[in-house]
Amino acid sequence: MKKLSEYKDREAIELLAKILAPVVIVFGDKEIAQELVGGNKLKTIQMAMEKYPDEIFKMLATLEGVPVEQYHCSVTSIPKMLLEIMEDEDLTGFFTEQATSSSE
């Protein structure tokens, strides 16, 4: 999975267009937004997976550069990927900004 900062030009625009809808849904949820801003990443991930599994799946597929229909994950790969996402400063900054603006 590439970091957000590695996407440039048209590729960056295309990624943002694909990922924006699920990000807005998941991190626009006030409960998830509060947990994300509060700093508990694992609780945020748990809540997001429980409430929005389809959106999480779409985000993971998009970030992997694979169409949703062709994306596969496992019980062991999901936590690793989600923790990678939460440790990517650019990506978490993007999510936190969305969460902060939706909780105002």
C-alpha atoms as a PDB file:
ATOM      1  CA  MET A   1       0.000   0.000   0.000  1.00  0.00           C
ATOM      2  CA  LYS A   2       1.365   3.387  -0.996  1.00  0.00           C
ATOM      3  CA  LYS A   3       1.385   6.330   1.368  1.00  0.00           C
ATOM      4  CA  LEU A   4      -0.841   9.252   0.402  1.00  0.00           C
ATOM      5  CA  SER A   5       2.220  11.429  -0.112  1.00  0.00           C
ATOM      6  CA  GLU A   6       3.387   9.040  -2.852  1.00  0.00           C
ATOM      7  CA  TYR A   7       0.372   9.768  -5.044  1.00  0.00           C
ATOM      8  CA  LYS A   8       1.027  12.594  -7.488  1.00  0.00           C
ATOM      9  CA  ASP A   9      -0.824  14.532 -10.149  1.00  0.00           C
ATOM     10  CA  ARG A  10      -3.677  12.714 -11.884  1.00  0.00           C
ATOM     11  CA  GLU A  11      -3.178   9.579  -9.786  1.00  0.00           C
ATOM     12  CA  ALA A  12      -3.702  11.698  -6.654  1.00  0.00           C
ATOM     13  CA  ILE A  13      -6.917  13.188  -8.041  1.00  0.00           C
ATOM     14  CA  GLU A  14      -8.258   9.770  -9.024  1.00  0.00           C
ATOM     15  CA  LEU A  15      -7.455   8.274  -5.616  1.00  0.00           C
ATOM     16  CA  LEU A  16      -9.108  11.139  -3.767  1.00  0.00           C
ATOM     17  CA  ALA A  17     -12.208  10.899  -5.962  1.00  0.00           C
ATOM     18  CA  LYS A  18     -12.533   7.187  -5.183  1.00  0.00           C
ATOM     19  CA  ILE A  19     -11.816   7.312  -1.477  1.00  0.00           C
ATOM     20  CA  LEU A  20     -13.662  10.484  -0.517  1.00  0.00           C
ATOM     21  CA  ALA A  21     -17.183   9.007  -0.378  1.00  0.00           C
ATOM     22  CA  PRO A  22     -16.377   6.191   2.072  1.00  0.00           C
ATOM     23  CA  VAL A  23     -14.147   8.488   4.144  1.00  0.00           C
ATOM     24  CA  VAL A  24     -16.960  11.018   4.505  1.00  0.00           C
ATOM     25  CA  ILE A  25     -19.410   8.283   5.527  1.00  0.00           C
ATOM     26  CA  VAL A  26     -17.136   6.592   8.068  1.00  0.00           C
ATOM     27  CA  PHE A  27     -15.403   9.593   9.583  1.00  0.00           C
ATOM     28  CA  GLY A  28     -18.476  11.792   9.291  1.00  0.00           C
ATOM     29  CA  ASP A  29     -20.050   9.560  11.938  1.00  0.00           C
ATOM     30  CA  LYS A  30     -19.922  11.693  15.089  1.00  0.00           C
ATOM     31  CA  GLU A  31     -19.160   8.748  17.382  1.00  0.00           C
ATOM     32  CA  ILE A  32     -16.251   7.574  15.224  1.00  0.00           C
ATOM     33  CA  ALA A  33     -15.030  11.143  14.755  1.00  0.00           C
ATOM     34  CA  GLN A  34     -14.919  11.707  18.510  1.00  0.00           C
ATOM     35  CA  GLU A  35     -13.012   8.459  19.052  1.00  0.00           C
ATOM     36  CA  LEU A  36     -10.513   9.300  16.305  1.00  0.00           C
ATOM     37  CA  VAL A  37      -9.865  12.789  17.642  1.00  0.00           C
ATOM     38  CA  GLY A  38      -9.650  11.349  21.163  1.00  0.00           C
ATOM     39  CA  GLY A  39      -6.670   9.267  20.113  1.00  0.00           C
ATOM     40  CA  ASN A  40      -7.759   5.625  20.504  1.00  0.00           C
ATOM     41  CA  LYS A  41      -6.902   4.185  17.082  1.00  0.00           C
ATOM     42  CA  LEU A  42      -7.870   0.587  17.840  1.00  0.00           C
ATOM     43  CA  LYS A  43     -11.278   1.613  19.176  1.00  0.00           C
ATOM     44  CA  THR A  44     -11.771   3.814  16.105  1.00  0.00           C
ATOM     45  CA  ILE A  45     -10.934   0.883  13.824  1.00  0.00           C
ATOM     46  CA  GLN A  46     -13.271  -1.446  15.719  1.00  0.00           C
ATOM     47  CA  MET A  47     -16.164   1.011  15.568  1.00  0.00           C
ATOM     48  CA  ALA A  48     -15.620   1.730  11.875  1.00  0.00           C
ATOM     49  CA  MET A  49     -15.464  -1.978  10.962  1.00  0.00           C
ATOM     50  CA  GLU A  50     -18.602  -2.761  12.954  1.00  0.00           C
ATOM     51  CA  LYS A  51     -20.673   0.153  11.629  1.00  0.00           C
ATOM     52  CA  TYR A  52     -19.327   0.510   8.076  1.00  0.00           C
ATOM     53  CA  PRO A  53     -17.774  -2.743   6.823  1.00  0.00           C
ATOM     54  CA  ASP A  54     -18.587  -2.007   3.166  1.00  0.00           C
ATOM     55  CA  GLU A  55     -16.973   1.422   3.272  1.00  0.00           C
ATOM     56  CA  ILE A  56     -13.889   0.044   5.045  1.00  0.00           C
ATOM     57  CA  PHE A  57     -13.625  -2.667   2.384  1.00  0.00           C
ATOM     58  CA  LYS A  58     -13.889  -0.067  -0.372  1.00  0.00           C
ATOM     59  CA  MET A  59     -11.197   2.111   1.255  1.00  0.00           C
ATOM     60  CA  LEU A  60      -8.829  -0.854   1.610  1.00  0.00           C
ATOM     61  CA  ALA A  61      -9.373  -1.960  -1.982  1.00  0.00           C
ATOM     62  CA  THR A  62      -8.881   1.579  -3.284  1.00  0.00           C
ATOM     63  CA  LEU A  63      -5.695   2.098  -1.299  1.00  0.00           C
ATOM     64  CA  GLU A  64      -4.385  -1.225  -2.611  1.00  0.00           C
ATOM     65  CA  GLY A  65      -5.193  -0.119  -6.169  1.00  0.00           C
ATOM     66  CA  VAL A  66      -7.556  -3.021  -6.771  1.00  0.00           C
ATOM     67  CA  PRO A  67     -11.188  -2.896  -7.906  1.00  0.00           C
ATOM     68  CA  VAL A  68     -13.553  -3.741  -5.051  1.00  0.00           C
ATOM     69  CA  GLU A  69     -14.777  -6.803  -6.957  1.00  0.00           C
ATOM     70  CA  GLN A  70     -11.229  -8.197  -7.128  1.00  0.00           C
ATOM     71  CA  TYR A  71     -10.029  -7.261  -3.648  1.00  0.00           C
ATOM     72  CA  HIS A  72      -9.387  -9.996  -1.086  1.00  0.00           C
ATOM     73  CA  CYS A  73      -8.375  -9.760   2.540  1.00  0.00           C
ATOM     74  CA  SER A  74      -8.145 -12.111   5.490  1.00  0.00           C
ATOM     75  CA  VAL A  75      -8.489 -12.024   9.242  1.00  0.00           C
ATOM     76  CA  THR A  76      -4.728 -11.690   9.500  1.00  0.00           C
ATOM     77  CA  SER A  77      -4.283  -9.074   6.762  1.00  0.00           C
ATOM     78  CA  ILE A  78      -7.040  -6.686   7.876  1.00  0.00           C
ATOM     79  CA  PRO A  79      -5.540  -5.637  11.241  1.00  0.00           C
ATOM     80  CA  LYS A  80      -2.119  -5.168   9.655  1.00  0.00           C
ATOM     81  CA  MET A  81      -3.515  -2.959   6.891  1.00  0.00           C
ATOM     82  CA  LEU A  82      -5.725  -0.944   9.208  1.00  0.00           C
ATOM     83  CA  LEU A  83      -2.859  -0.317  11.603  1.00  0.00           C
ATOM     84  CA  GLU A  84      -0.659   0.711   8.646  1.00  0.00           C
ATOM     85  CA  ILE A  85      -3.372   3.162   7.630  1.00  0.00           C
ATOM     86  CA  MET A  86      -3.648   4.547  11.153  1.00  0.00           C
ATOM     87  CA  GLU A  87       0.157   4.926  11.347  1.00  0.00           C
ATOM     88  CA  ASP A  88       0.402   6.785   8.021  1.00  0.00           C
ATOM     89  CA  GLU A  89       0.597  10.407   9.164  1.00  0.00           C
ATOM     90  CA  ASP A  90      -0.731  11.774   5.872  1.00  0.00           C
ATOM     91  CA  LEU A  91      -3.688   9.420   5.867  1.00  0.00           C
ATOM     92  CA  THR A  92      -4.588   9.856   9.530  1.00  0.00           C
ATOM     93  CA  GLY A  93      -4.238  13.605   9.094  1.00  0.00           C
ATOM     94  CA  PHE A  94      -6.751  13.397   6.266  1.00  0.00           C
ATOM     95  CA  PHE A  95      -9.127  11.283   8.390  1.00  0.00           C
ATOM     96  CA  THR A  96      -8.686  13.500  11.453  1.00  0.00           C
ATOM     97  CA  GLU A  97      -9.414  16.608   9.418  1.00  0.00           C
ATOM     98  CA  GLN A  98     -12.614  14.984   8.154  1.00  0.00           C
ATOM     99  CA  ALA A  99     -13.532  13.860  11.669  1.00  0.00           C
ATOM    100  CA  THR A 100     -12.854  17.270  13.186  1.00  0.00           C
ATOM    101  CA  SER A 101     -14.886  19.139  10.580  1.00  0.00           C
ATOM    102  CA  SER A 102     -17.816  16.738  10.902  1.00  0.00           C
ATOM    103  CA  SER A 103     -17.923  16.965  14.699  1.00  0.00           C
ATOM    104  CA  GLU A 104     -18.184  20.771  14.674  1.00  0.00           C
END
